[in-house]
Amino acid sequence: MSFTVLIPARYASTRLPGKPLMDIAGKPLVVRVAERAQASGADRIVIATDDERIRAAAEQHGFDAILTRANHATGTDRLAEAAVALELDDKAIVVNVQGDEPLLEPALIREVADELRSHGDASIATACHPIDDLQEAFNPNVVKVVLDHAGYALYFSRATIPWARDAFAAKRDKLPLGLPLYRHYGLYAYRVGFLRHYPSLTSAQIERFEALEQLRALWHGHRIVVRISPRERRRPASIPRKIWTGSGHCMRRTSRALEEEKICDSSCWARRARGRGPRPPSSGTLTGSRRYRPGTCCAQR
């Protein structure tokens, strides 16, 4: 299946200026993300940035980059400009990979692209996984999504939705069995025709209050199909989902996780993403005479 990955990379990050160029195990963060995207089997990876330093770093490591305006309100607006500049066909699929996720599993990128391809009435595809952690359930920094019977998004929120009225009225020390609580994973696939149209959509009040730009699409009647994936649930709690701060602790954990995966090369990741190689077993599974370690190449087991 054909798709393009676009990686928005803004130099003037609110939390951490210059974040895309931070060193992660010897390479800039944005390059680590691009390598992850490359392993998904995408036809093309392009970094969309507002800064010449990021463009130069990307090209130095063999990745395409395009300069965009610095005054975009959202990453989606930046992608829309990039899609126009790249002259992509309206029916083409673009996957938006966040530029601060160097440990994103490549297969998930392809799965989201596949999800959009198989749902012709959707403008966007994204992913989620079930929440089974109490802290995540009540954390406003963890975005939740409510789905309809066919797997389309009804709403995204920082609140705990759906709210288990009776169970939570009694106590909130555990999640009730069967509560369909899903954590949204901020990975999006778009049809280019929608991406071109997105900047013309007026901002919605729900988008501004929740600070969630995907609500603009829902408010204007565009459908978002959501893939429920268990992939992110396999990530150990000690390994960060994304780079939030420049603390030494955060950087060391991320770099160490990447170092542990060096045995698994890009071609191996790509085979898994296409479903042509064996899937890794769950952590701790015995494989032959040794114990499987996450990141170990499937060809080595």
C-alpha atoms as a PDB file:
ATOM      1  CA  MET A   1       0.000   0.000   0.000  1.00  0.00           C
ATOM      2  CA  SER A   2       1.271   3.451  -0.949  1.00  0.00           C
ATOM      3  CA  PHE A   3       1.479   6.277   1.595  1.00  0.00           C
ATOM      4  CA  THR A   4       3.677   9.221   2.537  1.00  0.00           C
ATOM      5  CA  VAL A   5       4.818  10.146   6.037  1.00  0.00           C
ATOM      6  CA  LEU A   6       5.026  13.833   6.911  1.00  0.00           C
ATOM      7  CA  ILE A   7       6.784  14.826  10.134  1.00  0.00           C
ATOM      8  CA  PRO A   8       6.052  18.365  11.384  1.00  0.00           C
ATOM      9  CA  ALA A   9       9.068  19.763  13.234  1.00  0.00           C
ATOM     10  CA  ARG A  10       8.882  23.235  14.742  1.00  0.00           C
ATOM     11  CA  TYR A  11      12.040  24.722  16.214  1.00  0.00           C
ATOM     12  CA  ALA A  12      10.349  27.089  18.668  1.00  0.00           C
ATOM     13  CA  SER A  13       8.674  24.415  20.783  1.00  0.00           C
ATOM     14  CA  THR A  14       6.714  25.901  23.676  1.00  0.00           C
ATOM     15  CA  ARG A  15       8.003  23.379  26.225  1.00  0.00           C
ATOM     16  CA  LEU A  16      11.452  22.808  24.783  1.00  0.00           C
ATOM     17  CA  PRO A  17      12.889  25.152  22.106  1.00  0.00           C
ATOM     18  CA  GLY A  18      15.115  23.348  19.629  1.00  0.00           C
ATOM     19  CA  LYS A  19      13.677  19.958  20.595  1.00  0.00           C
ATOM     20  CA  PRO A  20      13.879  18.419  17.069  1.00  0.00           C
ATOM     21  CA  LEU A  21      17.670  18.799  17.156  1.00  0.00           C
ATOM     22  CA  MET A  22      18.230  17.285  20.593  1.00  0.00           C
ATOM     23  CA  ASP A  23      20.738  14.436  20.574  1.00  0.00           C
ATOM     24  CA  ILE A  24      19.215  10.992  21.018  1.00  0.00           C
ATOM     25  CA  ALA A  25      21.838   8.228  20.994  1.00  0.00           C
ATOM     26  CA  GLY A  26      24.065  10.174  18.598  1.00  0.00           C
ATOM     27  CA  LYS A  27      21.462  11.543  16.178  1.00  0.00           C
ATOM     28  CA  PRO A  28      18.989  14.458  16.202  1.00  0.00           C
ATOM     29  CA  LEU A  29      15.563  13.576  17.604  1.00  0.00           C
ATOM     30  CA  VAL A  30      13.785  14.349  14.323  1.00  0.00           C
ATOM     31  CA  VAL A  31      16.145  11.983  12.463  1.00  0.00           C
ATOM     32  CA  ARG A  32      15.383   9.196  14.944  1.00  0.00           C
ATOM     33  CA  VAL A  33      11.675   9.732  14.265  1.00  0.00           C
ATOM     34  CA  ALA A  34      12.260   9.711  10.497  1.00  0.00           C
ATOM     35  CA  GLU A  35      14.156   6.416  10.769  1.00  0.00           C
ATOM     36  CA  ARG A  36      11.184   4.949  12.604  1.00  0.00           C
ATOM     37  CA  ALA A  37       8.863   6.150   9.841  1.00  0.00           C
ATOM     38  CA  GLN A  38      11.168   4.746   7.164  1.00  0.00           C
ATOM     39  CA  ALA A  39      10.891   1.300   8.738  1.00  0.00           C
ATOM     40  CA  SER A  40       7.092   1.390   8.300  1.00  0.00           C
ATOM     41  CA  GLY A  41       7.440   0.812   4.567  1.00  0.00           C
ATOM     42  CA  ALA A  42       6.246   4.321   3.601  1.00  0.00           C
ATOM     43  CA  ASP A  43       7.015   5.353   0.019  1.00  0.00           C
ATOM     44  CA  ARG A  44       8.401   8.672   1.141  1.00  0.00           C
ATOM     45  CA  ILE A  45       9.282  10.476   4.370  1.00  0.00           C
ATOM     46  CA  VAL A  46       9.345  14.275   4.407  1.00  0.00           C
ATOM     47  CA  ILE A  47      10.110  16.526   7.373  1.00  0.00           C
ATOM     48  CA  ALA A  48       8.076  19.750   7.305  1.00  0.00           C
ATOM     49  CA  THR A  49       9.875  22.416   9.295  1.00  0.00           C
ATOM     50  CA  ASP A  50      10.043  26.157   9.845  1.00  0.00           C
ATOM     51  CA  ASP A  51      13.785  26.234  10.486  1.00  0.00           C
ATOM     52  CA  GLU A  52      16.796  25.921   8.201  1.00  0.00           C
ATOM     53  CA  ARG A  53      18.811  24.122  10.900  1.00  0.00           C
ATOM     54  CA  ILE A  54      16.275  21.294  11.061  1.00  0.00           C
ATOM     55  CA  ARG A  55      16.121  21.072   7.267  1.00  0.00           C
ATOM     56  CA  ALA A  56      19.930  20.826   7.088  1.00  0.00           C
ATOM     57  CA  ALA A  57      20.075  18.132   9.801  1.00  0.00           C
ATOM     58  CA  ALA A  58      17.430  16.063   7.997  1.00  0.00           C
ATOM     59  CA  GLU A  59      19.170  16.256   4.639  1.00  0.00           C
ATOM     60  CA  GLN A  60      22.538  15.503   6.217  1.00  0.00           C
ATOM     61  CA  HIS A  61      21.086  12.148   7.307  1.00  0.00           C
ATOM     62  CA  GLY A  62      19.487  11.426   3.930  1.00  0.00           C
ATOM     63  CA  PHE A  63      15.893  12.550   4.561  1.00  0.00           C
ATOM     64  CA  ASP A  64      13.829  14.958   2.491  1.00  0.00           C
ATOM     65  CA  ALA A  65      12.761  18.178   4.183  1.00  0.00           C
ATOM     66  CA  ILE A  66      10.624  21.110   3.180  1.00  0.00           C
ATOM     67  CA  LEU A  67      10.543  24.610   4.662  1.00  0.00           C
ATOM     68  CA  THR A  68       7.117  25.896   5.709  1.00  0.00           C
ATOM     69  CA  ARG A  69       5.862  29.110   7.250  1.00  0.00           C
ATOM     70  CA  ALA A  70       6.680  29.715  10.912  1.00  0.00           C
ATOM     71  CA  ASN A  71       3.266  31.092  11.877  1.00  0.00           C
ATOM     72  CA  HIS A  72       1.088  27.987  11.531  1.00  0.00           C
ATOM     73  CA  ALA A  73      -1.404  27.598  14.377  1.00  0.00           C
ATOM     74  CA  THR A  74      -1.239  23.778  14.363  1.00  0.00           C
ATOM     75  CA  GLY A  75       0.893  20.954  13.035  1.00  0.00           C
ATOM     76  CA  THR A  76      -1.980  19.976  10.721  1.00  0.00           C
ATOM     77  CA  ASP A  77      -1.855  23.407   9.087  1.00  0.00           C
ATOM     78  CA  ARG A  78       1.872  22.893   8.522  1.00  0.00           C
ATOM     79  CA  LEU A  79       1.192  19.515   6.905  1.00  0.00           C
ATOM     80  CA  ALA A  80      -1.432  21.065   4.642  1.00  0.00           C
ATOM     81  CA  GLU A  81       1.132  23.533   3.304  1.00  0.00           C
ATOM     82  CA  ALA A  82       3.634  20.721   2.793  1.00  0.00           C
ATOM     83  CA  ALA A  83       1.100  18.543   0.947  1.00  0.00           C
ATOM     84  CA  VAL A  84       0.361  21.382  -1.479  1.00  0.00           C
ATOM     85  CA  ALA A  85       4.063  22.094  -2.024  1.00  0.00           C
ATOM     86  CA  LEU A  86       4.749  18.406  -2.697  1.00  0.00           C
ATOM     87  CA  GLU A  87       1.879  18.309  -5.240  1.00  0.00           C
ATOM     88  CA  LEU A  88       0.403  15.150  -3.747  1.00  0.00           C
ATOM     89  CA  ASP A  89      -2.753  13.757  -5.344  1.00  0.00           C
ATOM     90  CA  ASP A  90      -6.016  14.432  -3.477  1.00  0.00           C
ATOM     91  CA  LYS A  91      -6.616  10.681  -3.089  1.00  0.00           C
ATOM     92  CA  ALA A  92      -3.151  10.008  -1.689  1.00  0.00           C
ATOM     93  CA  ILE A  93      -2.737   9.093   1.972  1.00  0.00           C
ATOM     94  CA  VAL A  94      -0.451  11.023   4.285  1.00  0.00           C
ATOM     95  CA  VAL A  95       0.448   9.886   7.798  1.00  0.00           C
ATOM     96  CA  ASN A  96       1.292  12.573  10.335  1.00  0.00           C
ATOM     97  CA  VAL A  97       4.011  11.269  12.658  1.00  0.00           C
ATOM     98  CA  GLN A  98       4.754  13.536  15.610  1.00  0.00           C
ATOM     99  CA  GLY A  99       8.353  14.732  15.621  1.00  0.00           C
ATOM    100  CA  ASP A 100       8.977  13.900  19.284  1.00  0.00           C
ATOM    101  CA  GLU A 101       8.250  10.145  19.254  1.00  0.00           C
ATOM    102  CA  PRO A 102      11.491   8.295  18.493  1.00  0.00           C
ATOM    103  CA  LEU A 103      10.139   5.013  19.905  1.00  0.00           C
ATOM    104  CA  LEU A 104       6.959   4.836  17.840  1.00  0.00           C
ATOM    105  CA  GLU A 105       6.473   1.298  16.533  1.00  0.00           C
ATOM    106  CA  PRO A 106       6.731   1.371  12.712  1.00  0.00           C
ATOM    107  CA  ALA A 107       3.983  -1.210  12.209  1.00  0.00           C
ATOM    108  CA  LEU A 108       1.475   1.116  13.885  1.00  0.00           C
ATOM    109  CA  ILE A 109       2.166   3.784  11.253  1.00  0.00           C
ATOM    110  CA  ARG A 110       1.275   1.358   8.490  1.00  0.00           C
ATOM    111  CA  GLU A 111      -1.786   0.084  10.361  1.00  0.00           C
ATOM    112  CA  VAL A 112      -3.253   3.593  10.581  1.00  0.00           C
ATOM    113  CA  ALA A 113      -2.658   4.148   6.853  1.00  0.00           C
ATOM    114  CA  ASP A 114      -4.343   0.793   6.125  1.00  0.00           C
ATOM    115  CA  GLU A 115      -7.296   1.777   8.316  1.00  0.00           C
ATOM    116  CA  LEU A 116      -7.946   4.917   6.291  1.00  0.00           C
ATOM    117  CA  ARG A 117      -7.519   3.073   3.012  1.00  0.00           C
ATOM    118  CA  SER A 118     -10.198   0.550   3.992  1.00  0.00           C
ATOM    119  CA  HIS A 119     -12.737   3.184   5.125  1.00  0.00           C
ATOM    120  CA  GLY A 120     -13.632   5.295   2.130  1.00  0.00           C
ATOM    121  CA  ASP A 121     -16.096   7.471   4.055  1.00  0.00           C
ATOM    122  CA  ALA A 122     -13.470   8.627   6.566  1.00  0.00           C
ATOM    123  CA  SER A 123     -11.316  11.730   6.157  1.00  0.00           C
ATOM    124  CA  ILE A 124      -8.943  10.789   8.970  1.00  0.00           C
ATOM    125  CA  ALA A 125      -7.744   7.605  10.665  1.00  0.00           C
ATOM    126  CA  THR A 126      -6.065   7.395  14.044  1.00  0.00           C
ATOM    127  CA  ALA A 127      -5.376   4.861  16.799  1.00  0.00           C
ATOM    128  CA  CYS A 128      -6.159   4.133  20.424  1.00  0.00           C
ATOM    129  CA  HIS A 129      -5.655   1.429  23.018  1.00  0.00           C
ATOM    130  CA  PRO A 130      -7.661   0.352  26.072  1.00  0.00           C
ATOM    131  CA  ILE A 131      -6.894   2.074  29.366  1.00  0.00           C
ATOM    132  CA  ASP A 132      -6.355  -0.232  32.302  1.00  0.00           C
ATOM    133  CA  ASP A 133      -4.372   2.144  34.509  1.00  0.00           C
ATOM    134  CA  LEU A 134      -6.267   4.213  37.059  1.00  0.00           C
ATOM    135  CA  GLN A 135      -3.882   7.175  36.883  1.00  0.00           C
ATOM    136  CA  GLU A 136      -4.198   7.344  33.110  1.00  0.00           C
ATOM    137  CA  ALA A 137      -7.980   7.252  33.385  1.00  0.00           C
ATOM    138  CA  PHE A 138      -8.134  10.448  35.463  1.00  0.00           C
ATOM    139  CA  ASN A 139      -5.151  12.263  33.934  1.00  0.00           C
ATOM    140  CA  PRO A 140      -6.243  15.244  31.762  1.00  0.00           C
ATOM    141  CA  ASN A 141      -2.998  14.964  29.796  1.00  0.00           C
ATOM    142  CA  VAL A 142      -4.169  11.553  28.580  1.00  0.00           C
ATOM    143  CA  VAL A 143      -6.679  12.137  25.785  1.00  0.00           C
ATOM    144  CA  LYS A 144      -9.615   9.731  25.663  1.00  0.00           C
ATOM    145  CA  VAL A 145     -11.764   8.785  22.688  1.00  0.00           C
ATOM    146  CA  VAL A 146     -15.311   7.398  22.601  1.00  0.00           C
ATOM    147  CA  LEU A 147     -16.190   5.149  19.647  1.00  0.00           C
ATOM    148  CA  ASP A 148     -19.414   4.162  17.946  1.00  0.00           C
ATOM    149  CA  HIS A 149     -20.322   0.564  17.039  1.00  0.00           C
ATOM    150  CA  ALA A 150     -18.404   0.748  13.762  1.00  0.00           C
ATOM    151  CA  GLY A 151     -15.184   2.148  15.218  1.00  0.00           C
ATOM    152  CA  TYR A 152     -15.666   5.796  14.323  1.00  0.00           C
ATOM    153  CA  ALA A 153     -14.871   8.533  16.826  1.00  0.00           C
ATOM    154  CA  LEU A 154     -17.818  10.158  18.580  1.00  0.00           C
ATOM    155  CA  TYR A 155     -15.736  12.503  20.717  1.00  0.00           C
ATOM    156  CA  PHE A 156     -12.234  13.147  22.065  1.00  0.00           C
ATOM    157  CA  SER A 157     -11.722  14.611  25.523  1.00  0.00           C
ATOM    158  CA  ARG A 158      -9.259  15.171  28.329  1.00  0.00           C
ATOM    159  CA  ALA A 159     -12.033  14.198  30.707  1.00  0.00           C
ATOM    160  CA  THR A 160     -12.695  10.628  31.799  1.00  0.00           C
ATOM    161  CA  ILE A 161     -15.239   9.489  29.233  1.00  0.00           C
ATOM    162  CA  PRO A 162     -17.346   7.460  29.303  1.00  0.00           C
ATOM    163  CA  TRP A 163     -17.941   8.215  32.988  1.00  0.00           C
ATOM    164  CA  ALA A 164     -18.964   5.192  35.065  1.00  0.00           C
ATOM    165  CA  ARG A 165     -21.580   7.050  37.116  1.00  0.00           C
ATOM    166  CA  ASP A 166     -22.561   4.407  39.654  1.00  0.00           C
ATOM    167  CA  ALA A 167     -19.142   2.796  40.044  1.00  0.00           C
ATOM    168  CA  PHE A 168     -17.300   6.097  40.469  1.00  0.00           C
ATOM    169  CA  ALA A 169     -19.959   7.414  42.862  1.00  0.00           C
ATOM    170  CA  ALA A 170     -19.174   4.498  45.179  1.00  0.00           C
ATOM    171  CA  LYS A 171     -15.365   4.596  44.889  1.00  0.00           C
ATOM    172  CA  ARG A 172     -12.621   5.451  42.429  1.00  0.00           C
ATOM    173  CA  ASP A 173      -9.888   3.054  43.464  1.00  0.00           C
ATOM    174  CA  LYS A 174     -10.281   0.837  40.394  1.00  0.00           C
ATOM    175  CA  LEU A 175     -11.799   0.853  36.920  1.00  0.00           C
ATOM    176  CA  PRO A 176     -15.083  -1.065  36.591  1.00  0.00           C
ATOM    177  CA  LEU A 177     -14.927  -4.219  34.513  1.00  0.00           C
ATOM    178  CA  GLY A 178     -16.010  -3.674  30.912  1.00  0.00           C
ATOM    179  CA  LEU A 179     -15.703   0.141  30.889  1.00  0.00           C
ATOM    180  CA  PRO A 180     -14.843   1.021  27.231  1.00  0.00           C
ATOM    181  CA  LEU A 181     -12.163   3.562  28.116  1.00  0.00           C
ATOM    182  CA  TYR A 182      -9.620   4.223  25.357  1.00  0.00           C
ATOM    183  CA  ARG A 183      -6.476   6.305  25.263  1.00  0.00           C
ATOM    184  CA  HIS A 184      -6.092   8.192  22.014  1.00  0.00           C
ATOM    185  CA  TYR A 185      -2.726   7.849  20.335  1.00  0.00           C
ATOM    186  CA  GLY A 186      -1.819  11.028  18.433  1.00  0.00           C
ATOM    187  CA  LEU A 187      -0.980   9.394  15.114  1.00  0.00           C
ATOM    188  CA  TYR A 188      -3.100  10.463  12.127  1.00  0.00           C
ATOM    189  CA  ALA A 189      -3.583   9.412   8.515  1.00  0.00           C
ATOM    190  CA  TYR A 190      -5.285  11.898   6.172  1.00  0.00           C
ATOM    191  CA  ARG A 191      -6.518  11.928   2.639  1.00  0.00           C
ATOM    192  CA  VAL A 192      -4.657  14.767   0.946  1.00  0.00           C
ATOM    193  CA  GLY A 193      -7.907  16.272  -0.354  1.00  0.00           C
ATOM    194  CA  PHE A 194      -9.080  16.744   3.249  1.00  0.00           C
ATOM    195  CA  LEU A 195      -5.681  18.041   4.317  1.00  0.00           C
ATOM    196  CA  ARG A 196      -5.862  20.768   1.655  1.00  0.00           C
ATOM    197  CA  HIS A 197      -9.323  21.713   2.910  1.00  0.00           C
ATOM    198  CA  TYR A 198      -8.462  21.695   6.621  1.00  0.00           C
ATOM    199  CA  PRO A 199      -7.012  25.256   6.894  1.00  0.00           C
ATOM    200  CA  SER A 200     -10.312  26.680   5.627  1.00  0.00           C
ATOM    201  CA  LEU A 201     -12.301  25.045   8.464  1.00  0.00           C
ATOM    202  CA  THR A 202     -13.218  27.486  11.194  1.00  0.00           C
ATOM    203  CA  SER A 203     -12.022  26.667  14.692  1.00  0.00           C
ATOM    204  CA  ALA A 204     -14.665  25.129  16.970  1.00  0.00           C
ATOM    205  CA  GLN A 205     -15.353  26.088  20.575  1.00  0.00           C
ATOM    206  CA  ILE A 206     -14.927  22.487  21.712  1.00  0.00           C
ATOM    207  CA  GLU A 207     -11.520  22.439  20.010  1.00  0.00           C
ATOM    208  CA  ARG A 208     -10.396  25.598  21.817  1.00  0.00           C
ATOM    209  CA  PHE A 209     -11.607  24.524  25.267  1.00  0.00           C
ATOM    210  CA  GLU A 210     -10.254  20.979  25.045  1.00  0.00           C
ATOM    211  CA  ALA A 211      -7.121  22.115  23.155  1.00  0.00           C
ATOM    212  CA  LEU A 212      -7.583  19.197  20.733  1.00  0.00           C
ATOM    213  CA  GLU A 213      -7.395  20.103  17.058  1.00  0.00           C
ATOM    214  CA  GLN A 214      -9.015  16.848  15.851  1.00  0.00           C
ATOM    215  CA  LEU A 215     -12.293  18.132  17.294  1.00  0.00           C
ATOM    216  CA  ARG A 216     -12.412  20.719  14.515  1.00  0.00           C
ATOM    217  CA  ALA A 217     -12.813  17.932  11.960  1.00  0.00           C
ATOM    218  CA  LEU A 218     -15.548  16.211  13.995  1.00  0.00           C
ATOM    219  CA  TRP A 219     -17.403  19.477  14.569  1.00  0.00           C
ATOM    220  CA  HIS A 220     -17.504  20.088  10.805  1.00  0.00           C
ATOM    221  CA  GLY A 221     -18.904  16.611  10.157  1.00  0.00           C
ATOM    222  CA  HIS A 222     -15.796  14.776   8.960  1.00  0.00           C
ATOM    223  CA  ARG A 223     -15.543  11.159  10.052  1.00  0.00           C
ATOM    224  CA  ILE A 224     -12.538   9.817  11.950  1.00  0.00           C
ATOM    225  CA  VAL A 225     -12.047   6.044  11.995  1.00  0.00           C
ATOM    226  CA  VAL A 226     -10.079   4.694  14.951  1.00  0.00           C
ATOM    227  CA  ARG A 227      -7.983   1.539  15.053  1.00  0.00           C
ATOM    228  CA  ILE A 228      -7.869  -0.175  18.430  1.00  0.00           C
ATOM    229  CA  SER A 229      -4.302  -1.395  18.746  1.00  0.00           C
ATOM    230  CA  PRO A 230      -2.629  -3.236  21.608  1.00  0.00           C
ATOM    231  CA  ARG A 231       0.835  -2.176  20.469  1.00  0.00           C
ATOM    232  CA  GLU A 232       1.323   0.746  22.830  1.00  0.00           C
ATOM    233  CA  ARG A 233       0.191  -1.326  25.809  1.00  0.00           C
ATOM    234  CA  ARG A 234       3.377  -3.379  25.453  1.00  0.00           C
ATOM    235  CA  ARG A 235       5.571  -0.360  26.169  1.00  0.00           C
ATOM    236  CA  PRO A 236       7.075  -0.565  29.678  1.00  0.00           C
ATOM    237  CA  ALA A 237       6.078   2.322  31.939  1.00  0.00           C
ATOM    238  CA  SER A 238       9.762   3.222  32.372  1.00  0.00           C
ATOM    239  CA  ILE A 239      10.138   4.056  28.673  1.00  0.00           C
ATOM    240  CA  PRO A 240       8.705   7.457  27.656  1.00  0.00           C
ATOM    241  CA  ARG A 241       6.039   7.626  24.969  1.00  0.00           C
ATOM    242  CA  LYS A 242       7.485  10.881  23.679  1.00  0.00           C
ATOM    243  CA  ILE A 243      10.101  13.487  24.565  1.00  0.00           C
ATOM    244  CA  TRP A 244       8.402  15.970  26.896  1.00  0.00           C
ATOM    245  CA  THR A 245      11.432  17.529  28.563  1.00  0.00           C
ATOM    246  CA  GLY A 246      15.157  17.791  28.058  1.00  0.00           C
ATOM    247  CA  SER A 247      15.928  16.217  31.424  1.00  0.00           C
ATOM    248  CA  GLY A 248      18.905  13.897  31.521  1.00  0.00           C
ATOM    249  CA  HIS A 249      16.731  11.135  32.963  1.00  0.00           C
ATOM    250  CA  CYS A 250      14.249  11.290  30.077  1.00  0.00           C
ATOM    251  CA  MET A 251      17.006  11.432  27.467  1.00  0.00           C
ATOM    252  CA  ARG A 252      18.953   8.533  28.982  1.00  0.00           C
ATOM    253  CA  ARG A 253      15.893   6.277  29.092  1.00  0.00           C
ATOM    254  CA  THR A 254      15.058   7.022  25.467  1.00  0.00           C
ATOM    255  CA  SER A 255      18.644   6.584  24.275  1.00  0.00           C
ATOM    256  CA  ARG A 256      18.992   3.319  26.184  1.00  0.00           C
ATOM    257  CA  ALA A 257      15.789   1.959  24.623  1.00  0.00           C
ATOM    258  CA  LEU A 258      17.111   2.791  21.140  1.00  0.00           C
ATOM    259  CA  GLU A 259      20.483   1.232  21.888  1.00  0.00           C
ATOM    260  CA  GLU A 260      18.743  -2.002  22.892  1.00  0.00           C
ATOM    261  CA  GLU A 261      17.022  -2.109  19.497  1.00  0.00           C
ATOM    262  CA  LYS A 262      20.181  -1.759  17.405  1.00  0.00           C
ATOM    263  CA  ILE A 263      20.208  -5.477  16.702  1.00  0.00           C
ATOM    264  CA  CYS A 264      16.866  -5.057  14.933  1.00  0.00           C
ATOM    265  CA  ASP A 265      17.552  -3.201  11.672  1.00  0.00           C
ATOM    266  CA  SER A 266      15.168  -1.191   9.489  1.00  0.00           C
ATOM    267  CA  SER A 267      14.587  -4.008   7.004  1.00  0.00           C
ATOM    268  CA  CYS A 268      13.410  -6.252   9.835  1.00  0.00           C
ATOM    269  CA  TRP A 269      10.984  -3.568  11.080  1.00  0.00           C
ATOM    270  CA  ALA A 270       9.703  -3.112   7.530  1.00  0.00           C
ATOM    271  CA  ARG A 271       9.050  -6.845   7.114  1.00  0.00           C
ATOM    272  CA  ARG A 272       7.032  -6.858  10.338  1.00  0.00           C
ATOM    273  CA  ALA A 273       5.115  -3.750   9.264  1.00  0.00           C
ATOM    274  CA  ARG A 274       4.099  -5.473   6.026  1.00  0.00           C
ATOM    275  CA  GLY A 275       3.178  -8.659   7.860  1.00  0.00           C
ATOM    276  CA  ARG A 276       5.926 -10.608   6.098  1.00  0.00           C
ATOM    277  CA  GLY A 277       7.944 -11.516   9.151  1.00  0.00           C
ATOM    278  CA  PRO A 278       7.159 -13.116  12.496  1.00  0.00           C
ATOM    279  CA  ARG A 279       5.618 -10.819  15.069  1.00  0.00           C
ATOM    280  CA  PRO A 280       7.591 -10.296  18.266  1.00  0.00           C
ATOM    281  CA  PRO A 281       6.194 -12.234  21.213  1.00  0.00           C
ATOM    282  CA  SER A 282       5.265 -10.487  24.408  1.00  0.00           C
ATOM    283  CA  SER A 283       8.096  -9.442  26.707  1.00  0.00           C
ATOM    284  CA  GLY A 284       9.481 -12.322  28.730  1.00  0.00           C
ATOM    285  CA  THR A 285       8.310 -15.064  26.369  1.00  0.00           C
ATOM    286  CA  LEU A 286      10.730 -17.976  26.080  1.00  0.00           C
ATOM    287  CA  THR A 287      11.927 -18.485  22.503  1.00  0.00           C
ATOM    288  CA  GLY A 288      14.023 -21.612  22.139  1.00  0.00           C
ATOM    289  CA  SER A 289      16.897 -21.598  24.598  1.00  0.00           C
ATOM    290  CA  ARG A 290      16.793 -17.893  25.439  1.00  0.00           C
ATOM    291  CA  ARG A 291      14.383 -15.306  26.668  1.00  0.00           C
ATOM    292  CA  TYR A 292      13.070 -12.770  24.166  1.00  0.00           C
ATOM    293  CA  ARG A 293      14.155  -9.202  24.804  1.00  0.00           C
ATOM    294  CA  PRO A 294      12.028  -6.389  23.290  1.00  0.00           C
ATOM    295  CA  GLY A 295      13.869  -4.985  20.284  1.00  0.00           C
ATOM    296  CA  THR A 296      15.577  -8.279  19.415  1.00  0.00           C
ATOM    297  CA  CYS A 297      15.523  -8.848  15.674  1.00  0.00           C
ATOM    298  CA  CYS A 298      12.967 -11.435  14.610  1.00  0.00           C
ATOM    299  CA  ALA A 299      15.575 -12.932  12.270  1.00  0.00           C
ATOM    300  CA  GLN A 300      17.878 -13.560  15.233  1.00  0.00           C
ATOM    301  CA  ARG A 301      15.400 -15.589  17.322  1.00  0.00           C
END
